[in-house]
C-alpha atoms as a PDB file:
ATOM      1  CA  MET A   1       4.612  -6.594 -19.701  1.00  0.00           C
ATOM      2  CA  LYS A   2       5.534  -6.912 -15.736  1.00  0.00           C
ATOM      3  CA  LEU A   3       5.147 -10.852 -14.956  1.00  0.00           C
ATOM      4  CA  GLY A   4       3.586 -11.653 -11.171  1.00  0.00           C
ATOM      5  CA  ILE A   5       4.562 -15.484 -10.256  1.00  0.00           C
ATOM      6  CA  SER A   6       2.971 -16.814  -7.180  1.00  0.00           C
ATOM      7  CA  ALA A   7       3.895 -20.118  -5.278  1.00  0.00           C
ATOM      8  CA  ALA A   8       2.119 -21.630  -2.495  1.00  0.00           C
ATOM      9  CA  MET A   9       4.663 -23.606  -1.043  1.00  0.00           C
ATOM     10  CA  PRO A  10       8.450 -22.531  -0.087  1.00  0.00           C
ATOM     11  CA  GLU A  11       9.821 -25.429  -2.180  1.00  0.00           C
ATOM     12  CA  GLU A  12       8.293 -24.473  -5.102  1.00  0.00           C
ATOM     13  CA  LEU A  13       9.478 -21.138  -4.622  1.00  0.00           C
ATOM     14  CA  ARG A  14      13.199 -22.444  -4.242  1.00  0.00           C
ATOM     15  CA  CYS A  15      12.886 -23.538  -7.831  1.00  0.00           C
ATOM     16  CA  LEU A  16      12.771 -20.063  -8.978  1.00  0.00           C
ATOM     17  CA  THR A  17      15.193 -18.221  -6.516  1.00  0.00           C
ATOM     18  CA  LYS A  18      17.353 -18.799  -3.404  1.00  0.00           C
ATOM     19  CA  LYS A  19      15.817 -15.560  -1.698  1.00  0.00           C
ATOM     20  CA  ASN A  20      13.485 -16.279   1.288  1.00  0.00           C
ATOM     21  CA  PRO A  21      11.311 -13.035   1.479  1.00  0.00           C
ATOM     22  CA  PRO A  22       8.462 -12.993   4.081  1.00  0.00           C
ATOM     23  CA  PRO A  23       5.112 -14.932   3.607  1.00  0.00           C
ATOM     24  CA  GLY A  24       2.483 -13.216   1.505  1.00  0.00           C
ATOM     25  CA  GLN A  25       4.879 -10.010   0.670  1.00  0.00           C
ATOM     26  CA  ALA A  26       5.388  -9.752  -3.395  1.00  0.00           C
ATOM     27  CA  PHE A  27       9.281  -9.194  -4.171  1.00  0.00           C
ATOM     28  CA  GLU A  28      11.374  -8.481  -7.205  1.00  0.00           C
ATOM     29  CA  LEU A  29      12.697 -11.979  -8.612  1.00  0.00           C
ATOM     30  CA  ALA A  30      14.095 -10.323 -11.742  1.00  0.00           C
ATOM     31  CA  GLU A  31      13.753  -7.189 -13.763  1.00  0.00           C
ATOM     32  CA  GLY A  32      10.396  -6.947 -14.739  1.00  0.00           C
ATOM     33  CA  VAL A  33       8.932 -10.185 -12.501  1.00  0.00           C
ATOM     34  CA  LEU A  34       7.696 -10.106  -9.171  1.00  0.00           C
ATOM     35  CA  ALA A  35       7.138 -13.569  -7.141  1.00  0.00           C
ATOM     36  CA  ILE A  36       5.189 -13.920  -4.204  1.00  0.00           C
ATOM     37  CA  HIS A  37       4.953 -16.641  -1.432  1.00  0.00           C
ATOM     38  CA  SER A  38       1.171 -16.976  -1.456  1.00  0.00           C
ATOM     39  CA  GLY A  39       0.554 -20.062   1.187  1.00  0.00           C
ATOM     40  CA  MET A  40      -2.210 -22.792   0.659  1.00  0.00           C
ATOM     41  CA  GLY A  41      -5.717 -22.360  -0.277  1.00  0.00           C
ATOM     42  CA  PRO A  42      -7.749 -20.164  -2.465  1.00  0.00           C
ATOM     43  CA  GLU A  43      -8.016 -17.403   0.133  1.00  0.00           C
ATOM     44  CA  LYS A  44      -4.461 -17.155   0.414  1.00  0.00           C
ATOM     45  CA  ALA A  45      -3.776 -17.472  -3.363  1.00  0.00           C
ATOM     46  CA  LEU A  46      -6.624 -14.445  -4.093  1.00  0.00           C
ATOM     47  CA  ALA A  47      -4.628 -12.333  -1.582  1.00  0.00           C
ATOM     48  CA  ALA A  48      -1.335 -13.255  -3.227  1.00  0.00           C
ATOM     49  CA  GLY A  49      -2.767 -12.568  -6.755  1.00  0.00           C
ATOM     50  CA  ARG A  50      -3.935  -8.840  -5.784  1.00  0.00           C
ATOM     51  CA  ALA A  51      -1.002  -8.203  -3.796  1.00  0.00           C
ATOM     52  CA  LEU A  52       1.241  -8.970  -7.017  1.00  0.00           C
ATOM     53  CA  LEU A  53      -1.020  -6.397  -9.236  1.00  0.00           C
ATOM     54  CA  GLU A  54      -0.725  -3.958  -6.588  1.00  0.00           C
ATOM     55  CA  ARG A  55       2.850  -3.884  -6.957  1.00  0.00           C
ATOM     56  CA  GLY A  56       2.556  -3.412 -10.488  1.00  0.00           C
ATOM     57  CA  ALA A  57       2.463  -6.900 -12.001  1.00  0.00           C
ATOM     58  CA  GLU A  58       0.480  -6.859 -15.433  1.00  0.00           C
ATOM     59  CA  ALA A  59       0.061 -10.915 -15.893  1.00  0.00           C
ATOM     60  CA  ILE A  60      -0.331 -13.886 -13.206  1.00  0.00           C
ATOM     61  CA  LEU A  61       1.369 -16.805 -13.506  1.00  0.00           C
ATOM     62  CA  SER A  62       0.248 -19.779 -11.401  1.00  0.00           C
ATOM     63  CA  TRP A  63       3.473 -21.885 -10.289  1.00  0.00           C
ATOM     64  CA  GLY A  64       4.168 -25.079  -8.311  1.00  0.00           C
ATOM     65  CA  CYS A  65       2.442 -28.782  -8.288  1.00  0.00           C
ATOM     66  CA  ALA A  66      -0.825 -30.292  -8.734  1.00  0.00           C
ATOM     67  CA  THR A  67      -2.388 -33.502  -8.110  1.00  0.00           C
ATOM     68  CA  ALA A  68      -3.678 -35.914 -10.505  1.00  0.00           C
ATOM     69  CA  LEU A  69      -7.249 -36.399 -11.550  1.00  0.00           C
ATOM     70  CA  ASP A  70      -6.514 -39.148 -14.290  1.00  0.00           C
ATOM     71  CA  ASN A  71      -4.252 -42.090 -14.563  1.00  0.00           C
ATOM     72  CA  GLY A  72      -2.603 -40.491 -17.451  1.00  0.00           C
ATOM     73  CA  MET A  73      -0.928 -37.950 -15.259  1.00  0.00           C
ATOM     74  CA  ARG A  74       2.029 -39.074 -13.926  1.00  0.00           C
ATOM     75  CA  PRO A  75       4.426 -37.739 -10.996  1.00  0.00           C
ATOM     76  CA  GLY A  76       6.701 -35.216 -12.819  1.00  0.00           C
ATOM     77  CA  CYS A  77       4.518 -34.584 -15.794  1.00  0.00           C
ATOM     78  CA  LEU A  78       3.992 -30.615 -16.710  1.00  0.00           C
ATOM     79  CA  PHE A  79       0.640 -29.452 -17.152  1.00  0.00           C
ATOM     80  CA  LEU A  80      -0.252 -26.555 -18.852  1.00  0.00           C
ATOM     81  CA  PRO A  81      -3.813 -26.033 -18.121  1.00  0.00           C
ATOM     82  CA  GLN A  82      -6.066 -24.341 -20.901  1.00  0.00           C
ATOM     83  CA  ILE A  83      -9.260 -23.830 -18.690  1.00  0.00           C
ATOM     84  CA  ILE A  84      -9.661 -23.301 -14.613  1.00  0.00           C
ATOM     85  CA  PHE A  85     -12.410 -24.886 -13.614  1.00  0.00           C
ATOM     86  CA  HIS A  86     -13.808 -23.359 -10.401  1.00  0.00           C
ATOM     87  CA  SER A  87     -15.494 -25.089  -7.396  1.00  0.00           C
ATOM     88  CA  ASP A  88     -18.573 -23.075  -8.004  1.00  0.00           C
ATOM     89  CA  GLY A  89     -18.641 -24.404 -11.320  1.00  0.00           C
ATOM     90  CA  ARG A  90     -17.666 -21.448 -13.299  1.00  0.00           C
ATOM     91  CA  GLU A  91     -14.817 -21.457 -16.088  1.00  0.00           C
ATOM     92  CA  SER A  92     -12.079 -19.494 -16.628  1.00  0.00           C
ATOM     93  CA  PRO A  93      -9.786 -19.625 -19.836  1.00  0.00           C
ATOM     94  CA  VAL A  94      -6.060 -18.825 -19.550  1.00  0.00           C
ATOM     95  CA  ASP A  95      -4.411 -16.587 -21.934  1.00  0.00           C
ATOM     96  CA  GLN A  96      -4.656 -18.438 -25.323  1.00  0.00           C
ATOM     97  CA  THR A  97      -1.508 -16.428 -27.158  1.00  0.00           C
ATOM     98  CA  TRP A  98       0.338 -16.575 -23.633  1.00  0.00           C
ATOM     99  CA  HIS A  99      -0.324 -20.646 -23.558  1.00  0.00           C
ATOM    100  CA  GLU A 100       0.513 -21.033 -27.204  1.00  0.00           C
ATOM    101  CA  ARG A 101       3.525 -19.519 -27.167  1.00  0.00           C
ATOM    102  CA  LEU A 102       5.045 -20.933 -23.436  1.00  0.00           C
ATOM    103  CA  SER A 103       3.899 -24.471 -24.858  1.00  0.00           C
ATOM    104  CA  ARG A 104       6.356 -23.887 -27.432  1.00  0.00           C
ATOM    105  CA  THR A 105       8.733 -22.492 -25.329  1.00  0.00           C
ATOM    106  CA  LEU A 106       8.898 -25.792 -23.011  1.00  0.00           C
ATOM    107  CA  SER A 107       7.938 -28.006 -26.093  1.00  0.00           C
ATOM    108  CA  SER A 108      11.487 -29.921 -25.344  1.00  0.00           C
ATOM    109  CA  LEU A 109       9.713 -31.137 -21.606  1.00  0.00           C
ATOM    110  CA  GLU A 110       6.849 -33.365 -21.334  1.00  0.00           C
ATOM    111  CA  THR A 111       4.447 -31.413 -21.425  1.00  0.00           C
ATOM    112  CA  VAL A 112       0.539 -31.725 -21.262  1.00  0.00           C
ATOM    113  CA  ALA A 113      -0.858 -28.548 -23.459  1.00  0.00           C
ATOM    114  CA  LEU A 114      -4.729 -29.452 -23.568  1.00  0.00           C
ATOM    115  CA  GLY A 115      -7.211 -30.047 -20.840  1.00  0.00           C
ATOM    116  CA  SER A 116      -8.548 -28.012 -17.606  1.00  0.00           C
ATOM    117  CA  LEU A 117      -7.597 -27.706 -14.013  1.00  0.00           C
ATOM    118  CA  ALA A 118      -9.981 -28.140 -11.235  1.00  0.00           C
ATOM    119  CA  GLU A 119     -10.013 -26.217  -8.394  1.00  0.00           C
ATOM    120  CA  THR A 120     -10.231 -27.931  -5.222  1.00  0.00           C
ATOM    121  CA  PRO A 121     -10.405 -25.999  -1.654  1.00  0.00           C
ATOM    122  CA  THR A 122      -8.563 -28.630   0.664  1.00  0.00           C
ATOM    123  CA  ILE A 123      -5.984 -31.260  -0.373  1.00  0.00           C
ATOM    124  CA  LEU A 124      -7.490 -34.120  -1.538  1.00  0.00           C
ATOM    125  CA  GLU A 125      -6.392 -37.025   0.431  1.00  0.00           C
ATOM    126  CA  ASN A 126      -7.399 -40.416  -1.839  1.00  0.00           C
ATOM    127  CA  ASN A 127      -8.700 -42.012  -4.780  1.00  0.00           C
ATOM    128  CA  GLU A 128     -12.216 -41.331  -4.033  1.00  0.00           C
ATOM    129  CA  GLU A 129     -11.888 -37.727  -3.578  1.00  0.00           C
ATOM    130  CA  ARG A 130      -9.956 -37.046  -6.472  1.00  0.00           C
ATOM    131  CA  THR A 131     -12.519 -39.419  -8.768  1.00  0.00           C
ATOM    132  CA  VAL A 132     -15.341 -37.322  -7.187  1.00  0.00           C
ATOM    133  CA  LEU A 133     -13.824 -33.924  -8.560  1.00  0.00           C
ATOM    134  CA  ARG A 134     -12.840 -35.647 -12.057  1.00  0.00           C
ATOM    135  CA  ASN A 135     -16.327 -36.875 -12.730  1.00  0.00           C
ATOM    136  CA  LYS A 136     -18.077 -33.247 -11.880  1.00  0.00           C
ATOM    137  CA  SER A 137     -15.072 -31.101 -13.853  1.00  0.00           C
ATOM    138  CA  GLY A 138     -13.960 -33.248 -16.780  1.00  0.00           C
ATOM    139  CA  SER A 139     -10.789 -32.208 -15.428  1.00  0.00           C
ATOM    140  CA  LEU A 140      -6.948 -34.166 -15.625  1.00  0.00           C
ATOM    141  CA  VAL A 141      -5.565 -32.470 -12.607  1.00  0.00           C
ATOM    142  CA  ALA A 142      -6.237 -30.252  -9.520  1.00  0.00           C
ATOM    143  CA  ASP A 143      -4.848 -27.443  -7.222  1.00  0.00           C
ATOM    144  CA  MET A 144      -6.203 -25.277  -4.508  1.00  0.00           C
ATOM    145  CA  GLU A 145      -4.778 -21.997  -5.616  1.00  0.00           C
ATOM    146  CA  SER A 146      -4.766 -21.574  -9.505  1.00  0.00           C
ATOM    147  CA  GLY A 147      -8.720 -20.525  -9.292  1.00  0.00           C
ATOM    148  CA  ALA A 148      -8.308 -17.905  -6.996  1.00  0.00           C
ATOM    149  CA  LEU A 149      -5.246 -16.624  -8.814  1.00  0.00           C
ATOM    150  CA  ALA A 150      -7.426 -16.681 -11.915  1.00  0.00           C
ATOM    151  CA  LEU A 151      -9.818 -14.698 -10.392  1.00  0.00           C
ATOM    152  CA  ALA A 152      -7.838 -11.590  -9.106  1.00  0.00           C
ATOM    153  CA  ALA A 153      -6.221 -11.714 -12.603  1.00  0.00           C
ATOM    154  CA  MET A 154      -9.925 -11.165 -13.865  1.00  0.00           C
ATOM    155  CA  GLU A 155     -10.702  -8.197 -11.358  1.00  0.00           C
ATOM    156  CA  LYS A 156      -8.087  -6.248 -13.480  1.00  0.00           C
ATOM    157  CA  LYS A 157      -8.394  -8.082 -16.838  1.00  0.00           C
ATOM    158  CA  ALA A 158      -5.070  -9.121 -16.467  1.00  0.00           C
ATOM    159  CA  PRO A 159      -3.656 -12.266 -18.690  1.00  0.00           C
ATOM    160  CA  PHE A 160      -3.579 -15.518 -16.300  1.00  0.00           C
ATOM    161  CA  LEU A 161      -1.682 -18.758 -16.986  1.00  0.00           C
ATOM    162  CA  ALA A 162      -0.453 -21.540 -15.024  1.00  0.00           C
ATOM    163  CA  ILE A 163       2.491 -23.839 -14.930  1.00  0.00           C
ATOM    164  CA  ARG A 164       1.721 -26.992 -12.742  1.00  0.00           C
ATOM    165  CA  VAL A 165       3.694 -30.036 -12.343  1.00  0.00           C
ATOM    166  CA  ILE A 166       2.051 -33.290 -10.710  1.00  0.00           C
ATOM    167  CA  ALA A 167       3.113 -34.359  -7.294  1.00  0.00           C
ATOM    168  CA  ASP A 168       0.903 -37.094  -6.428  1.00  0.00           C
ATOM    169  CA  CYS A 169      -0.943 -39.832  -8.536  1.00  0.00           C
ATOM    170  CA  VAL A 170      -4.646 -40.746  -8.474  1.00  0.00           C
ATOM    171  CA  ASP A 171      -4.016 -43.590  -6.392  1.00  0.00           C
ATOM    172  CA  ASP A 172      -1.569 -41.818  -3.909  1.00  0.00           C
ATOM    173  CA  PRO A 173      -3.117 -41.914  -0.368  1.00  0.00           C
ATOM    174  CA  VAL A 174      -2.070 -38.755   1.731  1.00  0.00           C
ATOM    175  CA  PRO A 175      -2.072 -39.621   5.352  1.00  0.00           C
ATOM    176  CA  GLU A 176      -4.548 -37.312   7.417  1.00  0.00           C
ATOM    177  CA  PHE A 177      -1.794 -36.499   9.743  1.00  0.00           C
ATOM    178  CA  VAL A 178       0.526 -35.301   6.658  1.00  0.00           C
ATOM    179  CA  THR A 179      -1.800 -32.759   5.961  1.00  0.00           C
ATOM    180  CA  GLN A 180      -2.381 -31.610   9.421  1.00  0.00           C
ATOM    181  CA  SER A 181       1.118 -31.378   9.222  1.00  0.00           C
ATOM    182  CA  ILE A 182       1.371 -28.596   6.771  1.00  0.00           C
ATOM    183  CA  ASP A 183       0.744 -24.706   7.938  1.00  0.00           C
ATOM    184  CA  GLU A 184      -1.143 -22.106   6.297  1.00  0.00           C
ATOM    185  CA  TRP A 185       1.725 -20.964   4.151  1.00  0.00           C
ATOM    186  CA  GLY A 186       2.700 -24.490   2.863  1.00  0.00           C
ATOM    187  CA  ARG A 187       5.565 -25.430   5.603  1.00  0.00           C
ATOM    188  CA  VAL A 188       5.792 -28.898   6.390  1.00  0.00           C
ATOM    189  CA  LYS A 189       6.425 -29.650   9.977  1.00  0.00           C
ATOM    190  CA  TRP A 190       8.323 -32.443   9.646  1.00  0.00           C
ATOM    191  CA  LEU A 191       9.200 -33.439  13.412  1.00  0.00           C
ATOM    192  CA  ARG A 192       5.128 -33.715  13.619  1.00  0.00           C
ATOM    193  CA  VAL A 193       5.284 -35.977  10.721  1.00  0.00           C
ATOM    194  CA  LEU A 194       7.867 -38.227  11.675  1.00  0.00           C
ATOM    195  CA  SER A 195       6.346 -38.605  15.219  1.00  0.00           C
ATOM    196  CA  ASN A 196       3.029 -39.398  14.115  1.00  0.00           C
ATOM    197  CA  ALA A 197       4.758 -42.054  11.036  1.00  0.00           C
ATOM    198  CA  LEU A 198       6.431 -43.926  14.370  1.00  0.00           C
ATOM    199  CA  LEU A 199       3.192 -44.465  15.542  1.00  0.00           C
ATOM    200  CA  ARG A 200       1.832 -45.524  12.247  1.00  0.00           C
ATOM    201  CA  PRO A 201       4.476 -47.679  10.625  1.00  0.00           C
ATOM    202  CA  GLY A 202       2.095 -49.022   8.129  1.00  0.00           C
ATOM    203  CA  GLU A 203       2.132 -45.466   6.582  1.00  0.00           C
ATOM    204  CA  TRP A 204       5.936 -45.697   5.703  1.00  0.00           C
ATOM    205  CA  LYS A 205       5.339 -47.181   2.471  1.00  0.00           C
ATOM    206  CA  ASN A 206       2.865 -44.365   1.582  1.00  0.00           C
ATOM    207  CA  LEU A 207       5.505 -41.641   2.688  1.00  0.00           C
ATOM    208  CA  ALA A 208       8.112 -42.852   1.054  1.00  0.00           C
ATOM    209  CA  ARG A 209       6.334 -42.709  -2.362  1.00  0.00           C
ATOM    210  CA  LEU A 210       4.516 -39.191  -1.432  1.00  0.00           C
ATOM    211  CA  ASN A 211       8.164 -38.212  -0.825  1.00  0.00           C
ATOM    212  CA  LYS A 212       9.727 -39.633  -4.303  1.00  0.00           C
ATOM    213  CA  HIS A 213       6.657 -38.140  -6.359  1.00  0.00           C
ATOM    214  CA  PHE A 214       7.118 -34.419  -4.695  1.00  0.00           C
ATOM    215  CA  LYS A 215      10.912 -34.811  -5.890  1.00  0.00           C
ATOM    216  CA  SER A 216      10.118 -35.681  -9.221  1.00  0.00           C
ATOM    217  CA  SER A 217       7.674 -32.750  -9.273  1.00  0.00           C
ATOM    218  CA  MET A 218      10.635 -30.445  -8.024  1.00  0.00           C
ATOM    219  CA  SER A 219      13.103 -31.788 -10.787  1.00  0.00           C
ATOM    220  CA  THR A 220      10.385 -30.862 -13.481  1.00  0.00           C
ATOM    221  CA  LEU A 221       9.979 -27.462 -12.012  1.00  0.00           C
ATOM    222  CA  LYS A 222      13.856 -27.334 -11.857  1.00  0.00           C
ATOM    223  CA  ALA A 223      13.822 -28.225 -15.664  1.00  0.00           C
ATOM    224  CA  VAL A 224      10.977 -25.565 -16.772  1.00  0.00           C
ATOM    225  CA  CYS A 225      13.023 -22.322 -14.783  1.00  0.00           C
ATOM    226  CA  ALA A 226      16.194 -24.027 -16.922  1.00  0.00           C
ATOM    227  CA  GLN A 227      13.979 -23.201 -19.882  1.00  0.00           C
ATOM    228  CA  ALA A 228      13.049 -19.655 -18.671  1.00  0.00           C
ATOM    229  CA  GLY A 229      16.588 -18.132 -18.336  1.00  0.00           C
ATOM    230  CA  PRO A 230      18.179 -16.740 -15.787  1.00  0.00           C
ATOM    231  CA  ASP A 231      16.002 -13.298 -16.027  1.00  0.00           C
ATOM    232  CA  PHE A 232      12.942 -15.292 -16.286  1.00  0.00           C
ATOM    233  CA  GLN A 233      11.690 -13.564 -19.937  1.00  0.00           C
ATOM    234  CA  ALA A 234      10.867 -16.658 -21.376  1.00  0.00           C
ATOM    235  CA  PHE A 235       7.575 -17.037 -18.822  1.00  0.00           C
ATOM    236  CA  SER A 236       6.233 -13.516 -19.649  1.00  0.00           C
ATOM    237  CA  LEU A 237       3.740 -12.817 -22.017  1.00  0.00           C
ATOM    238  CA  ASP A 238       6.223 -10.855 -24.355  1.00  0.00           C
ATOM    239  CA  GLY A 239       9.152 -12.578 -23.915  1.00  0.00           C
ATOM    240  CA  ASP A 240      11.302 -14.392 -26.535  1.00  0.00           C
ATOM    241  CA  SER A 241      10.266 -18.125 -27.443  1.00  0.00           C
ATOM    242  CA  SER A 242      12.634 -20.794 -28.096  1.00  0.00           C
ATOM    243  CA  GLU A 243      11.339 -21.074 -31.639  1.00  0.00           C
END
């Protein structure tokens, strides 16, 4: 079964490959595996999921970072949601067989296999926004793309799964100028970040913490790739598990 993997940010994609394909275009990651740099947000993710399916993907994997909605979710923690909670209140279960098999494959890593992931249309910048979504959804983590990718998969009755790693904690504030410095493809405009930070020296501590936590999440994603093998077949619905 051909697998399609979607990553919103270029750093997330670089954990999978050294290739640098144009954003929004599905490409061959390995034999039987497609990937796409989707860009950020539900609209981009929905288009990316559909593009993967049009290129022949038969299962969709949402790949990348997430934000914690619960204090138990720490930076670098691997989360394999069982349910996606959409912003309109609907719920989408992931493929149970795939989830169980991948959980076994990644059992040597710090894996949280239970719980739901909530869809958020925008970056959650503070504790208050995360707490509101936690109370509304009962979810442990949130991201901007998995919900739309799940919908794309459902349109074609294709299996769906998400691999997400915590990149920021409940109490990690994200300065507004940081969110404004990330373009629609998830590319950070570092000169804008630094120039704004120079005008706000009080934010340096928050920036340093965000950077440390993001690096931790990237390390976990790379560790997941190491478990998947060079052809990524351990990610697929019918690949070999590590049992």
